[in-house]
ModelCIF file with pLDDT and N, C-alpha, C, O atoms, coordinates in Angstrom:
data_MODEL
#
_entry.id   MODEL 
#
_entity.id                         1 
_entity.type                       polymer 
_entity.pdbx_number_of_molecules   1 
#
_entity_poly.entity_id                      1 
_entity_poly.type                           'polypeptide(L)' 
_entity_poly.nstd_linkage                   no 
_entity_poly.nstd_monomer                   no 
_entity_poly.pdbx_seq_one_letter_code       
;(UNK)(UNK)(UNK)(UNK)(UNK)(UNK)(UNK)(UNK)(UNK)(UNK)(UNK)(UNK)(UNK)(UNK)(UNK)(UNK)
(UNK)(UNK)(UNK)(UNK)(UNK)(UNK)(UNK)(UNK)(UNK)(UNK)(UNK)(UNK)(UNK)(UNK)(UNK)(UNK)
(UNK)(UNK)(UNK)(UNK)(UNK)(UNK)
;
_entity_poly.pdbx_seq_one_letter_code_can   XXXXXXXXXXXXXXXXXXXXXXXXXXXXXXXXXXXXXX 
_entity_poly.pdbx_strand_id                 A 
#
loop_
_entity_poly_seq.entity_id 
_entity_poly_seq.num 
_entity_poly_seq.mon_id 
_entity_poly_seq.hetero 
1 1  UNK n 
1 2  UNK n 
1 3  UNK n 
1 4  UNK n 
1 5  UNK n 
1 6  UNK n 
1 7  UNK n 
1 8  UNK n 
1 9  UNK n 
1 10 UNK n 
1 11 UNK n 
1 12 UNK n 
1 13 UNK n 
1 14 UNK n 
1 15 UNK n 
1 16 UNK n 
1 17 UNK n 
1 18 UNK n 
1 19 UNK n 
1 20 UNK n 
1 21 UNK n 
1 22 UNK n 
1 23 UNK n 
1 24 UNK n 
1 25 UNK n 
1 26 UNK n 
1 27 UNK n 
1 28 UNK n 
1 29 UNK n 
1 30 UNK n 
1 31 UNK n 
1 32 UNK n 
1 33 UNK n 
1 34 UNK n 
1 35 UNK n 
1 36 UNK n 
1 37 UNK n 
1 38 UNK n 
#
_struct_asym.id          A 
_struct_asym.entity_id   1 
#
loop_
_ma_qa_metric.id 
_ma_qa_metric.mode 
_ma_qa_metric.name 
_ma_qa_metric.software_group_id 
_ma_qa_metric.type 
1 global pLDDT . pLDDT 
2 local  pLDDT . pLDDT 
#
_ma_qa_metric_global.metric_id      1 
_ma_qa_metric_global.metric_value   84.13 
_ma_qa_metric_global.model_id       1 
_ma_qa_metric_global.ordinal_id     1 
#
loop_
_ma_qa_metric_local.label_asym_id 
_ma_qa_metric_local.label_comp_id 
_ma_qa_metric_local.label_seq_id 
_ma_qa_metric_local.metric_id 
_ma_qa_metric_local.metric_value 
_ma_qa_metric_local.model_id 
_ma_qa_metric_local.ordinal_id 
A UNK 1  2 86.00 1 1  
A UNK 2  2 89.00 1 2  
A UNK 3  2 88.00 1 3  
A UNK 4  2 88.00 1 4  
A UNK 5  2 83.00 1 5  
A UNK 6  2 77.00 1 6  
A UNK 7  2 77.00 1 7  
A UNK 8  2 70.00 1 8  
A UNK 9  2 66.00 1 9  
A UNK 10 2 70.00 1 10 
A UNK 11 2 79.00 1 11 
A UNK 12 2 77.00 1 12 
A UNK 13 2 69.00 1 13 
A UNK 14 2 63.00 1 14 
A UNK 15 2 67.00 1 15 
A UNK 16 2 75.00 1 16 
A UNK 17 2 82.00 1 17 
A UNK 18 2 88.00 1 18 
A UNK 19 2 87.00 1 19 
A UNK 20 2 90.00 1 20 
A UNK 21 2 93.00 1 21 
A UNK 22 2 92.00 1 22 
A UNK 23 2 93.00 1 23 
A UNK 24 2 92.00 1 24 
A UNK 25 2 91.00 1 25 
A UNK 26 2 88.00 1 26 
A UNK 27 2 89.00 1 27 
A UNK 28 2 89.00 1 28 
A UNK 29 2 90.00 1 29 
A UNK 30 2 90.00 1 30 
A UNK 31 2 89.00 1 31 
A UNK 32 2 91.00 1 32 
A UNK 33 2 91.00 1 33 
A UNK 34 2 89.00 1 34 
A UNK 35 2 90.00 1 35 
A UNK 36 2 91.00 1 36 
A UNK 37 2 89.00 1 37 
A UNK 38 2 89.00 1 38 
#
loop_
_atom_site.group_PDB 
_atom_site.id 
_atom_site.type_symbol 
_atom_site.label_atom_id 
_atom_site.label_alt_id 
_atom_site.label_comp_id 
_atom_site.label_asym_id 
_atom_site.label_entity_id 
_atom_site.label_seq_id 
_atom_site.pdbx_PDB_ins_code 
_atom_site.Cartn_x 
_atom_site.Cartn_y 
_atom_site.Cartn_z 
_atom_site.occupancy 
_atom_site.B_iso_or_equiv 
_atom_site.pdbx_formal_charge 
_atom_site.auth_seq_id 
_atom_site.auth_comp_id 
_atom_site.auth_asym_id 
_atom_site.auth_atom_id 
_atom_site.pdbx_PDB_model_num 
ATOM 1   N N  . UNK A 1 1  ? -150.600 -86.827 -68.306 1.00 86.00 ? 1  UNK A N  1 
ATOM 2   C CA . UNK A 1 1  ? -149.262 -87.275 -67.927 1.00 86.00 ? 1  UNK A CA 1 
ATOM 3   C C  . UNK A 1 1  ? -148.711 -86.515 -66.729 1.00 86.00 ? 1  UNK A C  1 
ATOM 4   O O  . UNK A 1 1  ? -147.905 -87.051 -65.967 1.00 86.00 ? 1  UNK A O  1 
ATOM 5   N N  . UNK A 1 2  ? -149.146 -85.261 -66.558 1.00 89.00 ? 2  UNK A N  1 
ATOM 6   C CA . UNK A 1 2  ? -148.610 -84.411 -65.499 1.00 89.00 ? 2  UNK A CA 1 
ATOM 7   C C  . UNK A 1 2  ? -149.753 -83.789 -64.719 1.00 89.00 ? 2  UNK A C  1 
ATOM 8   O O  . UNK A 1 2  ? -150.724 -83.299 -65.297 1.00 89.00 ? 2  UNK A O  1 
ATOM 9   N N  . UNK A 1 3  ? -149.628 -83.815 -63.411 1.00 88.00 ? 3  UNK A N  1 
ATOM 10  C CA . UNK A 1 3  ? -150.646 -83.265 -62.522 1.00 88.00 ? 3  UNK A CA 1 
ATOM 11  C C  . UNK A 1 3  ? -150.029 -82.169 -61.666 1.00 88.00 ? 3  UNK A C  1 
ATOM 12  O O  . UNK A 1 3  ? -149.087 -82.417 -60.912 1.00 88.00 ? 3  UNK A O  1 
ATOM 13  N N  . UNK A 1 4  ? -150.568 -80.942 -61.785 1.00 88.00 ? 4  UNK A N  1 
ATOM 14  C CA . UNK A 1 4  ? -150.087 -79.805 -61.000 1.00 88.00 ? 4  UNK A CA 1 
ATOM 15  C C  . UNK A 1 4  ? -151.055 -79.546 -59.857 1.00 88.00 ? 4  UNK A C  1 
ATOM 16  O O  . UNK A 1 4  ? -152.261 -79.434 -60.073 1.00 88.00 ? 4  UNK A O  1 
ATOM 17  N N  . UNK A 1 5  ? -150.526 -79.449 -58.633 1.00 83.00 ? 5  UNK A N  1 
ATOM 18  C CA . UNK A 1 5  ? -151.373 -79.231 -57.472 1.00 83.00 ? 5  UNK A CA 1 
ATOM 19  C C  . UNK A 1 5  ? -150.816 -78.099 -56.627 1.00 83.00 ? 5  UNK A C  1 
ATOM 20  O O  . UNK A 1 5  ? -149.616 -78.039 -56.359 1.00 83.00 ? 5  UNK A O  1 
ATOM 21  N N  . UNK A 1 6  ? -151.703 -77.198 -56.208 1.00 77.00 ? 6  UNK A N  1 
ATOM 22  C CA . UNK A 1 6  ? -151.304 -76.189 -55.235 1.00 77.00 ? 6  UNK A CA 1 
ATOM 23  C C  . UNK A 1 6  ? -151.006 -76.863 -53.913 1.00 77.00 ? 6  UNK A C  1 
ATOM 24  O O  . UNK A 1 6  ? -151.654 -77.843 -53.544 1.00 77.00 ? 6  UNK A O  1 
ATOM 25  N N  . UNK A 1 7  ? -150.016 -76.330 -53.195 1.00 77.00 ? 7  UNK A N  1 
ATOM 26  C CA . UNK A 1 7  ? -149.666 -76.916 -51.902 1.00 77.00 ? 7  UNK A CA 1 
ATOM 27  C C  . UNK A 1 7  ? -150.760 -76.682 -50.877 1.00 77.00 ? 7  UNK A C  1 
ATOM 28  O O  . UNK A 1 7  ? -151.282 -77.627 -50.286 1.00 77.00 ? 7  UNK A O  1 
ATOM 29  N N  . UNK A 1 8  ? -151.108 -75.406 -50.670 1.00 70.00 ? 8  UNK A N  1 
ATOM 30  C CA . UNK A 1 8  ? -152.021 -75.053 -49.596 1.00 70.00 ? 8  UNK A CA 1 
ATOM 31  C C  . UNK A 1 8  ? -153.440 -75.493 -49.921 1.00 70.00 ? 8  UNK A C  1 
ATOM 32  O O  . UNK A 1 8  ? -153.993 -75.118 -50.955 1.00 70.00 ? 8  UNK A O  1 
ATOM 33  N N  . UNK A 1 9  ? -154.027 -76.293 -49.029 1.00 66.00 ? 9  UNK A N  1 
ATOM 34  C CA . UNK A 1 9  ? -155.385 -76.768 -49.210 1.00 66.00 ? 9  UNK A CA 1 
ATOM 35  C C  . UNK A 1 9  ? -155.479 -78.020 -50.043 1.00 66.00 ? 9  UNK A C  1 
ATOM 36  O O  . UNK A 1 9  ? -156.520 -78.677 -50.053 1.00 66.00 ? 9  UNK A O  1 
ATOM 37  N N  . UNK A 1 10 ? -154.418 -78.365 -50.741 1.00 70.00 ? 10 UNK A N  1 
ATOM 38  C CA . UNK A 1 10 ? -154.414 -79.570 -51.565 1.00 70.00 ? 10 UNK A CA 1 
ATOM 39  C C  . UNK A 1 10 ? -153.540 -80.638 -50.930 1.00 70.00 ? 10 UNK A C  1 
ATOM 40  O O  . UNK A 1 10 ? -153.999 -81.737 -50.619 1.00 70.00 ? 10 UNK A O  1 
ATOM 41  N N  . UNK A 1 11 ? -152.288 -80.297 -50.745 1.00 79.00 ? 11 UNK A N  1 
ATOM 42  C CA . UNK A 1 11 ? -151.350 -81.229 -50.133 1.00 79.00 ? 11 UNK A CA 1 
ATOM 43  C C  . UNK A 1 11 ? -151.330 -81.037 -48.620 1.00 79.00 ? 11 UNK A C  1 
ATOM 44  O O  . UNK A 1 11 ? -151.221 -82.001 -47.862 1.00 79.00 ? 11 UNK A O  1 
ATOM 45  N N  . UNK A 1 12 ? -151.435 -79.793 -48.195 1.00 77.00 ? 12 UNK A N  1 
ATOM 46  C CA . UNK A 1 12 ? -151.516 -79.503 -46.761 1.00 77.00 ? 12 UNK A CA 1 
ATOM 47  C C  . UNK A 1 12 ? -152.963 -79.208 -46.390 1.00 77.00 ? 12 UNK A C  1 
ATOM 48  O O  . UNK A 1 12 ? -153.813 -79.022 -47.260 1.00 77.00 ? 12 UNK A O  1 
ATOM 49  N N  . UNK A 1 13 ? -153.231 -79.168 -45.090 1.00 69.00 ? 13 UNK A N  1 
ATOM 50  C CA . UNK A 1 13 ? -154.602 -79.004 -44.620 1.00 69.00 ? 13 UNK A CA 1 
ATOM 51  C C  . UNK A 1 13 ? -155.191 -77.660 -45.001 1.00 69.00 ? 13 UNK A C  1 
ATOM 52  O O  . UNK A 1 13 ? -156.409 -77.534 -45.129 1.00 69.00 ? 13 UNK A O  1 
ATOM 53  N N  . UNK A 1 14 ? -154.368 -76.675 -45.181 1.00 63.00 ? 14 UNK A N  1 
ATOM 54  C CA . UNK A 1 14 ? -154.898 -75.365 -45.548 1.00 63.00 ? 14 UNK A CA 1 
ATOM 55  C C  . UNK A 1 14 ? -154.037 -74.264 -44.999 1.00 63.00 ? 14 UNK A C  1 
ATOM 56  O O  . UNK A 1 14 ? -152.861 -74.154 -45.347 1.00 63.00 ? 14 UNK A O  1 
ATOM 57  N N  . UNK A 1 15 ? -154.606 -73.454 -44.150 1.00 67.00 ? 15 UNK A N  1 
ATOM 58  C CA . UNK A 1 15 ? -153.885 -72.303 -43.630 1.00 67.00 ? 15 UNK A CA 1 
ATOM 59  C C  . UNK A 1 15 ? -152.775 -72.729 -42.679 1.00 67.00 ? 15 UNK A C  1 
ATOM 60  O O  . UNK A 1 15 ? -152.946 -73.626 -41.854 1.00 67.00 ? 15 UNK A O  1 
ATOM 61  N N  . UNK A 1 16 ? -151.637 -72.064 -42.818 1.00 75.00 ? 16 UNK A N  1 
ATOM 62  C CA . UNK A 1 16 ? -150.531 -72.312 -41.897 1.00 75.00 ? 16 UNK A CA 1 
ATOM 63  C C  . UNK A 1 16 ? -150.849 -71.699 -40.538 1.00 75.00 ? 16 UNK A C  1 
ATOM 64  O O  . UNK A 1 16 ? -151.540 -70.684 -40.454 1.00 75.00 ? 16 UNK A O  1 
ATOM 65  N N  . UNK A 1 17 ? -150.346 -72.315 -39.482 1.00 82.00 ? 17 UNK A N  1 
ATOM 66  C CA . UNK A 1 17 ? -150.602 -71.840 -38.135 1.00 82.00 ? 17 UNK A CA 1 
ATOM 67  C C  . UNK A 1 17 ? -149.289 -71.587 -37.414 1.00 82.00 ? 17 UNK A C  1 
ATOM 68  O O  . UNK A 1 17 ? -148.303 -72.297 -37.610 1.00 82.00 ? 17 UNK A O  1 
ATOM 69  N N  . UNK A 1 18 ? -149.299 -70.560 -36.576 1.00 88.00 ? 18 UNK A N  1 
ATOM 70  C CA . UNK A 1 18 ? -148.117 -70.261 -35.756 1.00 88.00 ? 18 UNK A CA 1 
ATOM 71  C C  . UNK A 1 18 ? -147.994 -71.313 -34.659 1.00 88.00 ? 18 UNK A C  1 
ATOM 72  O O  . UNK A 1 18 ? -148.963 -71.615 -33.962 1.00 88.00 ? 18 UNK A O  1 
ATOM 73  N N  . UNK A 1 19 ? -146.798 -71.864 -34.515 1.00 87.00 ? 19 UNK A N  1 
ATOM 74  C CA . UNK A 1 19 ? -146.591 -72.908 -33.501 1.00 87.00 ? 19 UNK A CA 1 
ATOM 75  C C  . UNK A 1 19 ? -145.519 -72.537 -32.488 1.00 87.00 ? 19 UNK A C  1 
ATOM 76  O O  . UNK A 1 19 ? -145.439 -73.156 -31.427 1.00 87.00 ? 19 UNK A O  1 
ATOM 77  N N  . UNK A 1 20 ? -144.684 -71.526 -32.795 1.00 90.00 ? 20 UNK A N  1 
ATOM 78  C CA . UNK A 1 20 ? -143.616 -71.176 -31.842 1.00 90.00 ? 20 UNK A CA 1 
ATOM 79  C C  . UNK A 1 20 ? -143.072 -69.787 -32.134 1.00 90.00 ? 20 UNK A C  1 
ATOM 80  O O  . UNK A 1 20 ? -143.076 -69.320 -33.273 1.00 90.00 ? 20 UNK A O  1 
ATOM 81  N N  . UNK A 1 21 ? -142.594 -69.125 -31.049 1.00 93.00 ? 21 UNK A N  1 
ATOM 82  C CA . UNK A 1 21 ? -141.839 -67.885 -31.164 1.00 93.00 ? 21 UNK A CA 1 
ATOM 83  C C  . UNK A 1 21 ? -140.382 -68.217 -30.861 1.00 93.00 ? 21 UNK A C  1 
ATOM 84  O O  . UNK A 1 21 ? -140.080 -68.781 -29.809 1.00 93.00 ? 21 UNK A O  1 
ATOM 85  N N  . UNK A 1 22 ? -139.479 -67.872 -31.775 1.00 92.00 ? 22 UNK A N  1 
ATOM 86  C CA . UNK A 1 22 ? -138.050 -68.199 -31.610 1.00 92.00 ? 22 UNK A CA 1 
ATOM 87  C C  . UNK A 1 22 ? -137.280 -66.881 -31.493 1.00 92.00 ? 22 UNK A C  1 
ATOM 88  O O  . UNK A 1 22 ? -137.000 -66.247 -32.510 1.00 92.00 ? 22 UNK A O  1 
ATOM 89  N N  . UNK A 1 23 ? -136.926 -66.451 -30.248 1.00 93.00 ? 23 UNK A N  1 
ATOM 90  C CA . UNK A 1 23 ? -136.233 -65.161 -30.085 1.00 93.00 ? 23 UNK A CA 1 
ATOM 91  C C  . UNK A 1 23 ? -134.749 -65.268 -30.437 1.00 93.00 ? 23 UNK A C  1 
ATOM 92  O O  . UNK A 1 23 ? -134.134 -66.322 -30.274 1.00 93.00 ? 23 UNK A O  1 
ATOM 93  N N  . UNK A 1 24 ? -134.189 -64.163 -30.922 1.00 92.00 ? 24 UNK A N  1 
ATOM 94  C CA . UNK A 1 24 ? -132.750 -64.109 -31.146 1.00 92.00 ? 24 UNK A CA 1 
ATOM 95  C C  . UNK A 1 24 ? -132.040 -63.984 -29.801 1.00 92.00 ? 24 UNK A C  1 
ATOM 96  O O  . UNK A 1 24 ? -132.671 -63.610 -28.812 1.00 92.00 ? 24 UNK A O  1 
ATOM 97  N N  . UNK A 1 25 ? -130.736 -64.290 -29.740 1.00 91.00 ? 25 UNK A N  1 
ATOM 98  C CA . UNK A 1 25 ? -129.997 -64.183 -28.478 1.00 91.00 ? 25 UNK A CA 1 
ATOM 99  C C  . UNK A 1 25 ? -130.129 -62.786 -27.869 1.00 91.00 ? 25 UNK A C  1 
ATOM 100 O O  . UNK A 1 25 ? -129.991 -61.772 -28.553 1.00 91.00 ? 25 UNK A O  1 
ATOM 101 N N  . UNK A 1 26 ? -130.403 -62.768 -26.556 1.00 88.00 ? 26 UNK A N  1 
ATOM 102 C CA . UNK A 1 26 ? -130.540 -61.495 -25.850 1.00 88.00 ? 26 UNK A CA 1 
ATOM 103 C C  . UNK A 1 26 ? -131.947 -60.951 -25.833 1.00 88.00 ? 26 UNK A C  1 
ATOM 104 O O  . UNK A 1 26 ? -132.198 -59.925 -25.200 1.00 88.00 ? 26 UNK A O  1 
ATOM 105 N N  . UNK A 1 27 ? -132.886 -61.616 -26.518 1.00 89.00 ? 27 UNK A N  1 
ATOM 106 C CA . UNK A 1 27 ? -134.275 -61.168 -26.573 1.00 89.00 ? 27 UNK A CA 1 
ATOM 107 C C  . UNK A 1 27 ? -135.138 -62.128 -25.765 1.00 89.00 ? 27 UNK A C  1 
ATOM 108 O O  . UNK A 1 27 ? -135.043 -63.345 -25.920 1.00 89.00 ? 27 UNK A O  1 
ATOM 109 N N  . UNK A 1 28 ? -135.978 -61.570 -24.902 1.00 89.00 ? 28 UNK A N  1 
ATOM 110 C CA . UNK A 1 28 ? -136.879 -62.395 -24.106 1.00 89.00 ? 28 UNK A CA 1 
ATOM 111 C C  . UNK A 1 28 ? -138.026 -62.901 -24.981 1.00 89.00 ? 28 UNK A C  1 
ATOM 112 O O  . UNK A 1 28 ? -138.553 -62.160 -25.811 1.00 89.00 ? 28 UNK A O  1 
ATOM 113 N N  . UNK A 1 29 ? -138.409 -64.161 -24.793 1.00 90.00 ? 29 UNK A N  1 
ATOM 114 C CA . UNK A 1 29 ? -139.460 -64.759 -25.620 1.00 90.00 ? 29 UNK A CA 1 
ATOM 115 C C  . UNK A 1 29 ? -140.800 -64.063 -25.414 1.00 90.00 ? 29 UNK A C  1 
ATOM 116 O O  . UNK A 1 29 ? -141.573 -63.910 -26.360 1.00 90.00 ? 29 UNK A O  1 
ATOM 117 N N  . UNK A 1 30 ? -141.080 -63.636 -24.172 1.00 90.00 ? 30 UNK A N  1 
ATOM 118 C CA . UNK A 1 30 ? -142.320 -62.921 -23.904 1.00 90.00 ? 30 UNK A CA 1 
ATOM 119 C C  . UNK A 1 30 ? -142.350 -61.588 -24.647 1.00 90.00 ? 30 UNK A C  1 
ATOM 120 O O  . UNK A 1 30 ? -143.390 -61.177 -25.163 1.00 90.00 ? 30 UNK A O  1 
ATOM 121 N N  . UNK A 1 31 ? -141.192 -60.915 -24.696 1.00 89.00 ? 31 UNK A N  1 
ATOM 122 C CA . UNK A 1 31 ? -141.110 -59.652 -25.433 1.00 89.00 ? 31 UNK A CA 1 
ATOM 123 C C  . UNK A 1 31 ? -141.381 -59.875 -26.916 1.00 89.00 ? 31 UNK A C  1 
ATOM 124 O O  . UNK A 1 31 ? -142.083 -59.086 -27.550 1.00 89.00 ? 31 UNK A O  1 
ATOM 125 N N  . UNK A 1 32 ? -140.816 -60.966 -27.474 1.00 91.00 ? 32 UNK A N  1 
ATOM 126 C CA . UNK A 1 32 ? -141.036 -61.286 -28.888 1.00 91.00 ? 32 UNK A CA 1 
ATOM 127 C C  . UNK A 1 32 ? -142.508 -61.584 -29.151 1.00 91.00 ? 32 UNK A C  1 
ATOM 128 O O  . UNK A 1 32 ? -143.068 -61.134 -30.151 1.00 91.00 ? 32 UNK A O  1 
ATOM 129 N N  . UNK A 1 33 ? -143.144 -62.356 -28.236 1.00 91.00 ? 33 UNK A N  1 
ATOM 130 C CA . UNK A 1 33 ? -144.543 -62.704 -28.412 1.00 91.00 ? 33 UNK A CA 1 
ATOM 131 C C  . UNK A 1 33 ? -145.429 -61.463 -28.374 1.00 91.00 ? 33 UNK A C  1 
ATOM 132 O O  . UNK A 1 33 ? -146.365 -61.331 -29.162 1.00 91.00 ? 33 UNK A O  1 
ATOM 133 N N  . UNK A 1 34 ? -145.121 -60.545 -27.437 1.00 89.00 ? 34 UNK A N  1 
ATOM 134 C CA . UNK A 1 34 ? -145.910 -59.323 -27.318 1.00 89.00 ? 34 UNK A CA 1 
ATOM 135 C C  . UNK A 1 34 ? -145.771 -58.463 -28.574 1.00 89.00 ? 34 UNK A C  1 
ATOM 136 O O  . UNK A 1 34 ? -146.758 -57.932 -29.081 1.00 89.00 ? 34 UNK A O  1 
ATOM 137 N N  . UNK A 1 35 ? -144.551 -58.330 -29.067 1.00 90.00 ? 35 UNK A N  1 
ATOM 138 C CA . UNK A 1 35 ? -144.306 -57.537 -30.269 1.00 90.00 ? 35 UNK A CA 1 
ATOM 139 C C  . UNK A 1 35 ? -144.952 -58.186 -31.493 1.00 90.00 ? 35 UNK A C  1 
ATOM 140 O O  . UNK A 1 35 ? -145.532 -57.497 -32.332 1.00 90.00 ? 35 UNK A O  1 
ATOM 141 N N  . UNK A 1 36 ? -144.850 -59.512 -31.593 1.00 91.00 ? 36 UNK A N  1 
ATOM 142 C CA . UNK A 1 36 ? -145.448 -60.237 -32.719 1.00 91.00 ? 36 UNK A CA 1 
ATOM 143 C C  . UNK A 1 36 ? -146.962 -60.073 -32.731 1.00 91.00 ? 36 UNK A C  1 
ATOM 144 O O  . UNK A 1 36 ? -147.578 -59.930 -33.787 1.00 91.00 ? 36 UNK A O  1 
ATOM 145 N N  . UNK A 1 37 ? -147.560 -60.096 -31.521 1.00 89.00 ? 37 UNK A N  1 
ATOM 146 C CA . UNK A 1 37 ? -149.009 -59.925 -31.445 1.00 89.00 ? 37 UNK A CA 1 
ATOM 147 C C  . UNK A 1 37 ? -149.430 -58.536 -31.918 1.00 89.00 ? 37 UNK A C  1 
ATOM 148 O O  . UNK A 1 37 ? -150.375 -58.401 -32.696 1.00 89.00 ? 37 UNK A O  1 
ATOM 149 N N  . UNK A 1 38 ? -148.721 -57.495 -31.445 1.00 89.00 ? 38 UNK A N  1 
ATOM 150 C CA . UNK A 1 38 ? -149.053 -56.133 -31.855 1.00 89.00 ? 38 UNK A CA 1 
ATOM 151 C C  . UNK A 1 38 ? -148.943 -55.966 -33.369 1.00 89.00 ? 38 UNK A C  1 
ATOM 152 O O  . UNK A 1 38 ? -149.189 -54.878 -33.889 1.00 89.00 ? 38 UNK A O  1 
#
């Protein structure tokens, strides 16, 4: 009667991927990307 499914790999393709860097006001996007990478 009831079917339980994990989201990741079942409903979605699998691993989540980074698609964007969203800086807060006053922060340069390149600075955010560099810090996120480190």
